[in-house]
Amino acid sequence: MGRPGLIGTAARTAVIAGTATAVSGGVARRQMGRAQSSYEQQQLAAAEQQRQMEEAARQAVAQQAAAAPVAAPVAAPVAAPAAPADDLMAKLQQLGAMHAQGLLDDAEFAAAKAKLLA
């Protein structure tokens, strides 16, 4: 029996190389598919989270708008000017808290703050 000839060795090497290439190609395709699927899931989750935050911000603004016009004109005592300043500070603090929680983005926060200070 002896050693295989040059052609036999070349053929065996080609089979091994071809098998290794096919296996590595399959692994690479599987990994790319998993990475693409993971990326798409992350994008969908981020979009859903953004939608929820926008909805929460809209609800908060609607609640604030509904609560603001309820105040009826009342004959105010001398100490009344301190109440609007406290109320303004409370609203600004509430806006800051909503911004810190991520319910308002920077543009919405700036617009709401400008509206309060106007």
Protein backbone atom coordinates (compact mmCIF):
# COMPACT_ATOMS: atom_id res chain seq x y z
CA MET A 1 0.00 0.00 0.00
CA GLY A 2 2.39 2.84 0.54
CA ARG A 3 1.77 6.48 0.54
CA PRO A 4 -0.87 8.04 -1.70
CA GLY A 5 0.30 9.66 -4.86
CA LEU A 6 0.43 13.35 -5.62
CA ILE A 7 -3.03 13.40 -7.19
CA GLY A 8 -4.58 11.55 -4.23
CA THR A 9 -3.02 13.99 -1.76
CA ALA A 10 -4.20 16.99 -3.81
CA ALA A 11 -7.72 15.56 -4.04
CA ARG A 12 -7.86 14.90 -0.29
CA THR A 13 -6.63 18.44 0.42
CA ALA A 14 -9.25 19.91 -1.95
CA VAL A 15 -12.04 17.97 -0.22
CA ILE A 16 -10.91 19.13 3.22
CA ALA A 17 -10.56 22.76 2.08
CA GLY A 18 -13.96 22.70 0.37
CA THR A 19 -15.62 21.25 3.46
CA ALA A 20 -14.00 23.87 5.70
CA THR A 21 -15.13 26.67 3.37
CA ALA A 22 -18.70 25.38 3.27
CA VAL A 23 -18.88 25.02 7.04
CA SER A 24 -17.41 28.47 7.70
CA GLY A 25 -19.75 30.01 5.11
CA GLY A 26 -22.75 28.40 6.80
CA VAL A 27 -21.63 29.63 10.20
CA ALA A 28 -21.09 33.14 8.84
CA ARG A 29 -24.56 33.20 7.21
CA ARG A 30 -26.19 31.97 10.43
CA GLN A 31 -24.39 34.63 12.48
CA MET A 32 -25.37 37.36 10.03
CA GLY A 33 -28.98 36.21 10.16
CA ARG A 34 -28.95 36.31 13.94
CA ALA A 35 -27.31 39.74 14.00
CA GLN A 36 -29.84 41.11 11.50
CA SER A 37 -32.74 39.66 13.49
CA SER A 38 -31.36 41.10 16.73
CA TYR A 39 -30.89 44.52 15.13
CA GLU A 40 -34.45 44.52 13.78
CA GLN A 41 -35.81 43.54 17.20
CA GLN A 42 -33.85 46.38 18.83
CA GLN A 43 -35.18 48.84 16.26
CA LEU A 44 -38.77 47.71 16.86
CA ALA A 45 -38.34 47.94 20.63
CA ALA A 46 -36.84 51.44 20.35
CA ALA A 47 -39.68 52.59 18.09
CA GLU A 48 -42.28 51.22 20.51
CA GLN A 49 -40.57 52.88 23.47
CA GLN A 50 -40.46 56.20 21.58
CA ARG A 51 -44.17 55.90 20.77
CA GLN A 52 -45.00 55.20 24.41
CA MET A 53 -42.97 58.19 25.60
CA GLU A 54 -44.65 60.48 23.08
CA GLU A 55 -48.08 59.25 24.14
CA ALA A 56 -47.23 59.77 27.82
CA ALA A 57 -46.01 63.31 27.05
CA ARG A 58 -49.21 64.09 25.15
CA GLN A 59 -51.30 62.81 28.04
CA ALA A 60 -49.29 64.86 30.55
CA VAL A 61 -49.67 68.01 28.47
CA ALA A 62 -53.40 67.34 28.06
CA GLN A 63 -53.81 66.84 31.81
CA GLN A 64 -51.94 70.06 32.52
CA ALA A 65 -54.01 71.97 29.97
CA ALA A 66 -57.23 70.58 31.45
CA ALA A 67 -56.20 71.50 34.99
CA ALA A 68 -54.99 75.05 34.21
CA PRO A 69 -58.24 76.81 33.13
CA VAL A 70 -60.20 75.49 36.13
CA ALA A 71 -59.11 78.38 38.38
CA ALA A 72 -61.93 80.87 38.90
CA PRO A 73 -61.31 84.56 39.62
CA VAL A 74 -61.47 85.13 43.37
CA ALA A 75 -60.92 88.28 45.39
CA ALA A 76 -57.34 87.70 46.40
CA PRO A 77 -55.95 88.66 49.78
CA VAL A 78 -52.69 90.57 50.03
CA ALA A 79 -50.58 87.35 50.23
CA ALA A 80 -51.94 86.01 46.88
CA PRO A 81 -48.98 87.05 44.67
CA ALA A 82 -46.79 84.40 46.34
CA ALA A 83 -49.12 81.58 45.20
CA PRO A 84 -48.62 82.04 41.41
CA ALA A 85 -44.85 82.06 41.86
CA ASP A 86 -45.07 78.85 43.90
CA ASP A 87 -47.43 77.39 41.31
CA LEU A 88 -45.03 78.37 38.52
CA MET A 89 -42.13 76.77 40.39
CA ALA A 90 -44.18 73.61 40.95
CA LYS A 91 -45.02 73.39 37.25
CA LEU A 92 -41.39 73.99 36.27
CA GLN A 93 -40.29 71.28 38.70
CA GLN A 94 -42.91 68.94 37.28
CA LEU A 95 -41.67 69.65 33.74
CA GLY A 96 -38.10 69.03 34.88
CA ALA A 97 -39.09 65.72 36.42
CA MET A 98 -40.91 64.68 33.23
CA HIS A 99 -37.85 65.62 31.19
CA ALA A 100 -35.55 63.67 33.53
CA GLN A 101 -37.80 60.61 33.28
CA GLY A 102 -37.66 60.80 29.50
CA LEU A 103 -41.34 61.63 29.05
CA LEU A 104 -40.42 64.89 27.29
CA ASP A 105 -37.59 65.32 24.83
CA ASP A 106 -35.43 68.45 24.81
CA ALA A 107 -37.59 70.31 22.28
CA GLU A 108 -40.86 69.55 24.08
CA PHE A 109 -39.34 70.53 27.42
CA ALA A 110 -38.04 73.83 26.04
CA ALA A 111 -41.40 74.63 24.42
CA ALA A 112 -43.38 73.86 27.58
CA LYS A 113 -40.96 75.86 29.73
CA ALA A 114 -41.15 78.84 27.37
CA LYS A 115 -44.93 78.68 27.47
CA LEU A 116 -44.94 78.70 31.27
CA LEU A 117 -42.49 81.57 31.52
CA ALA A 118 -44.28 83.70 28.90
